[in-house]
Amino acid sequence: MISIEHAPELDTLPISTDAIRRLLTQVIAEQSEQSVKALTIVFGTHTLVRSLNVQYLDHDYNTDVLAFNLSDAPDELEGEVYVDVETARERHGEFDTSVDAEIARYAVHGVLHLLGHTDKTEEGQAAMRQLEDQYVQGFTNTADTPPA
């Protein structure tokens, strides 16, 4: 089960819950054989994501996405992904993409981390970027688009 939440500071959810749920379901199905026990995607602000970054990782700076693996079982996906919507709004132009696509990229990136992908090396970064590009390329932020 994938649940979608947003920080109270955001007036509205910045992205279609149906669209992001379909996208992440596809990523999980194609990148893992794990079943989803519980996955929560939280769309937040600099304040929320930075506070979590400080509290849990001892990093006192903004970041685009944080992923927390909460699973005790290797065959089950259980975790939380926190997406900084403000970062997406600020940086999407650098990458010549829409805010929605940048938000989707961050969510995909976080889920890929929960599935065991790492970006600690240049090779890992390139592999994750390729997967992000693959999934975000076809992303449309509409609730009425039928699932692929």
Protein backbone atom coordinates (compact mmCIF):
# COMPACT_ATOMS: atom_id res chain seq x y z
CA MET A 1 0.00 0.00 0.00
CA ILE A 2 1.35 3.41 -1.00
CA SER A 3 0.03 6.36 0.97
CA ILE A 4 0.59 9.97 -0.01
CA GLU A 5 0.70 12.83 2.48
CA HIS A 6 1.78 16.45 2.50
CA ALA A 7 3.07 18.83 5.11
CA PRO A 8 0.41 21.20 6.46
CA GLU A 9 2.55 24.15 5.29
CA LEU A 10 1.77 23.22 1.68
CA ASP A 11 -1.63 24.63 0.80
CA THR A 12 -2.38 21.84 -1.65
CA LEU A 13 -0.80 18.60 -2.69
CA PRO A 14 1.57 19.59 -5.48
CA ILE A 15 1.08 16.49 -7.58
CA SER A 16 -1.69 14.05 -8.46
CA THR A 17 -1.76 11.24 -5.92
CA ASP A 18 -3.06 8.84 -8.57
CA ALA A 19 -0.26 9.72 -10.97
CA ILE A 20 2.54 9.43 -8.40
CA ARG A 21 1.09 6.21 -6.99
CA ARG A 22 1.00 4.66 -10.49
CA LEU A 23 4.55 5.79 -11.18
CA LEU A 24 5.96 4.38 -7.95
CA THR A 25 3.98 1.15 -8.31
CA GLN A 26 5.61 0.71 -11.72
CA VAL A 27 9.10 1.40 -10.32
CA ILE A 28 8.63 -1.14 -7.54
CA ALA A 29 7.16 -3.80 -9.85
CA GLU A 30 10.00 -3.43 -12.37
CA GLN A 31 12.90 -2.98 -9.95
CA SER A 32 12.10 -5.44 -7.17
CA GLU A 33 10.29 -8.59 -6.23
CA GLN A 34 9.43 -7.20 -2.82
CA SER A 35 5.84 -6.83 -1.78
CA VAL A 36 4.81 -3.45 -0.45
CA LYS A 37 3.92 -3.68 3.21
CA ALA A 38 3.72 0.09 3.67
CA LEU A 39 5.20 2.97 1.73
CA THR A 40 4.49 6.56 2.66
CA ILE A 41 5.42 9.43 0.39
CA VAL A 42 5.41 12.79 2.17
CA PHE A 43 5.57 16.00 0.16
CA GLY A 44 7.15 18.60 2.39
CA THR A 45 9.02 21.86 2.70
CA HIS A 46 12.64 22.81 3.36
CA THR A 47 11.80 23.04 7.05
CA LEU A 48 10.39 19.51 7.30
CA VAL A 49 13.00 17.75 5.18
CA ARG A 50 15.92 19.66 6.68
CA SER A 51 14.76 18.91 10.23
CA LEU A 52 14.65 15.20 9.40
CA ASN A 53 18.06 15.43 7.74
CA VAL A 54 19.48 16.99 10.91
CA GLN A 55 17.67 14.67 13.31
CA TYR A 56 18.36 11.34 11.62
CA LEU A 57 21.45 11.89 9.46
CA ASP A 58 23.18 14.73 11.34
CA HIS A 59 23.30 16.75 8.09
CA ASP A 60 22.44 20.41 8.66
CA TYR A 61 21.50 21.37 5.11
CA ASN A 62 18.60 21.17 2.67
CA THR A 63 18.25 18.11 0.50
CA ASP A 64 15.79 17.16 -2.21
CA VAL A 65 14.68 13.78 -0.86
CA LEU A 66 15.16 11.51 2.14
CA ALA A 67 14.30 7.82 2.27
CA PHE A 68 13.95 5.78 5.44
CA ASN A 69 13.83 2.00 5.19
CA LEU A 70 11.61 0.71 8.00
CA SER A 71 11.50 -2.93 6.91
CA ASP A 72 12.69 -5.84 8.98
CA ALA A 73 11.99 -8.38 6.22
CA PRO A 74 14.08 -8.49 3.02
CA ASP A 75 11.08 -9.51 0.91
CA GLU A 76 8.87 -6.62 2.06
CA LEU A 77 9.12 -2.94 1.26
CA GLU A 78 8.29 -0.71 4.17
CA GLY A 79 9.52 2.84 4.32
CA GLU A 80 9.00 6.56 4.12
CA VAL A 81 10.13 8.99 1.44
CA TYR A 82 10.18 12.74 2.13
CA VAL A 83 10.22 14.97 -0.95
CA ASP A 84 11.17 18.64 -0.62
CA VAL A 85 8.70 20.37 -2.92
CA GLU A 86 10.37 23.75 -2.40
CA THR A 87 13.65 22.39 -3.76
CA ALA A 88 11.83 21.08 -6.83
CA ARG A 89 10.21 24.48 -7.34
CA GLU A 90 13.58 26.22 -7.02
CA ARG A 91 15.70 23.88 -9.13
CA HIS A 92 13.52 22.45 -11.91
CA GLY A 93 14.69 25.15 -14.33
CA GLU A 94 18.32 24.04 -13.92
CA PHE A 95 17.32 20.72 -15.42
CA ASP A 96 14.94 22.12 -18.03
CA THR A 97 11.99 20.22 -16.65
CA SER A 98 8.65 20.95 -15.01
CA VAL A 99 8.13 21.20 -11.27
CA ASP A 100 5.92 18.09 -11.45
CA ALA A 101 8.61 16.07 -13.22
CA GLU A 102 11.23 17.19 -10.71
CA ILE A 103 8.98 16.19 -7.81
CA ALA A 104 8.38 12.82 -9.47
CA ARG A 105 12.15 12.37 -9.94
CA TYR A 106 12.75 12.92 -6.22
CA ALA A 107 10.06 10.40 -5.30
CA VAL A 108 11.48 7.82 -7.72
CA HIS A 109 14.98 8.46 -6.36
CA GLY A 110 13.81 7.84 -2.80
CA VAL A 111 12.03 4.62 -3.73
CA LEU A 112 15.09 3.39 -5.63
CA HIS A 113 17.09 3.88 -2.42
CA LEU A 114 14.54 1.82 -0.50
CA LEU A 115 14.93 -0.90 -3.12
CA GLY A 116 18.68 -1.03 -2.50
CA HIS A 117 20.09 1.29 -5.15
CA THR A 118 22.89 3.54 -4.03
CA ASP A 119 24.46 6.70 -5.38
CA LYS A 120 27.63 6.77 -3.32
CA THR A 121 29.82 6.17 -6.37
CA GLU A 122 29.88 7.78 -9.81
CA GLU A 123 28.68 4.49 -11.30
CA GLY A 124 25.83 4.29 -8.82
CA GLN A 125 24.87 7.90 -9.50
CA ALA A 126 24.83 7.26 -13.25
CA ALA A 127 22.75 4.09 -12.85
CA MET A 128 20.20 5.82 -10.63
CA ARG A 129 20.02 8.83 -12.96
CA GLN A 130 19.35 6.51 -15.89
CA LEU A 131 16.51 4.79 -14.01
CA GLU A 132 15.06 8.13 -12.89
CA ASP A 133 15.15 9.39 -16.49
CA GLN A 134 13.47 6.20 -17.69
CA TYR A 135 10.57 6.53 -15.27
CA VAL A 136 10.14 10.30 -15.24
CA GLN A 137 10.27 10.56 -19.05
CA GLY A 138 6.81 9.09 -19.42
CA PHE A 139 5.38 10.70 -16.28
CA THR A 140 2.27 12.80 -16.65
CA ASN A 141 0.74 14.53 -13.67
CA THR A 142 -2.88 13.71 -14.36
CA ALA A 143 -5.31 11.71 -12.29
CA ASP A 144 -7.29 10.55 -15.30
CA THR A 145 -4.48 8.93 -17.30
CA PRO A 146 -5.05 5.16 -17.36
CA PRO A 147 -2.25 3.06 -15.86
CA ALA A 148 0.23 1.60 -18.32
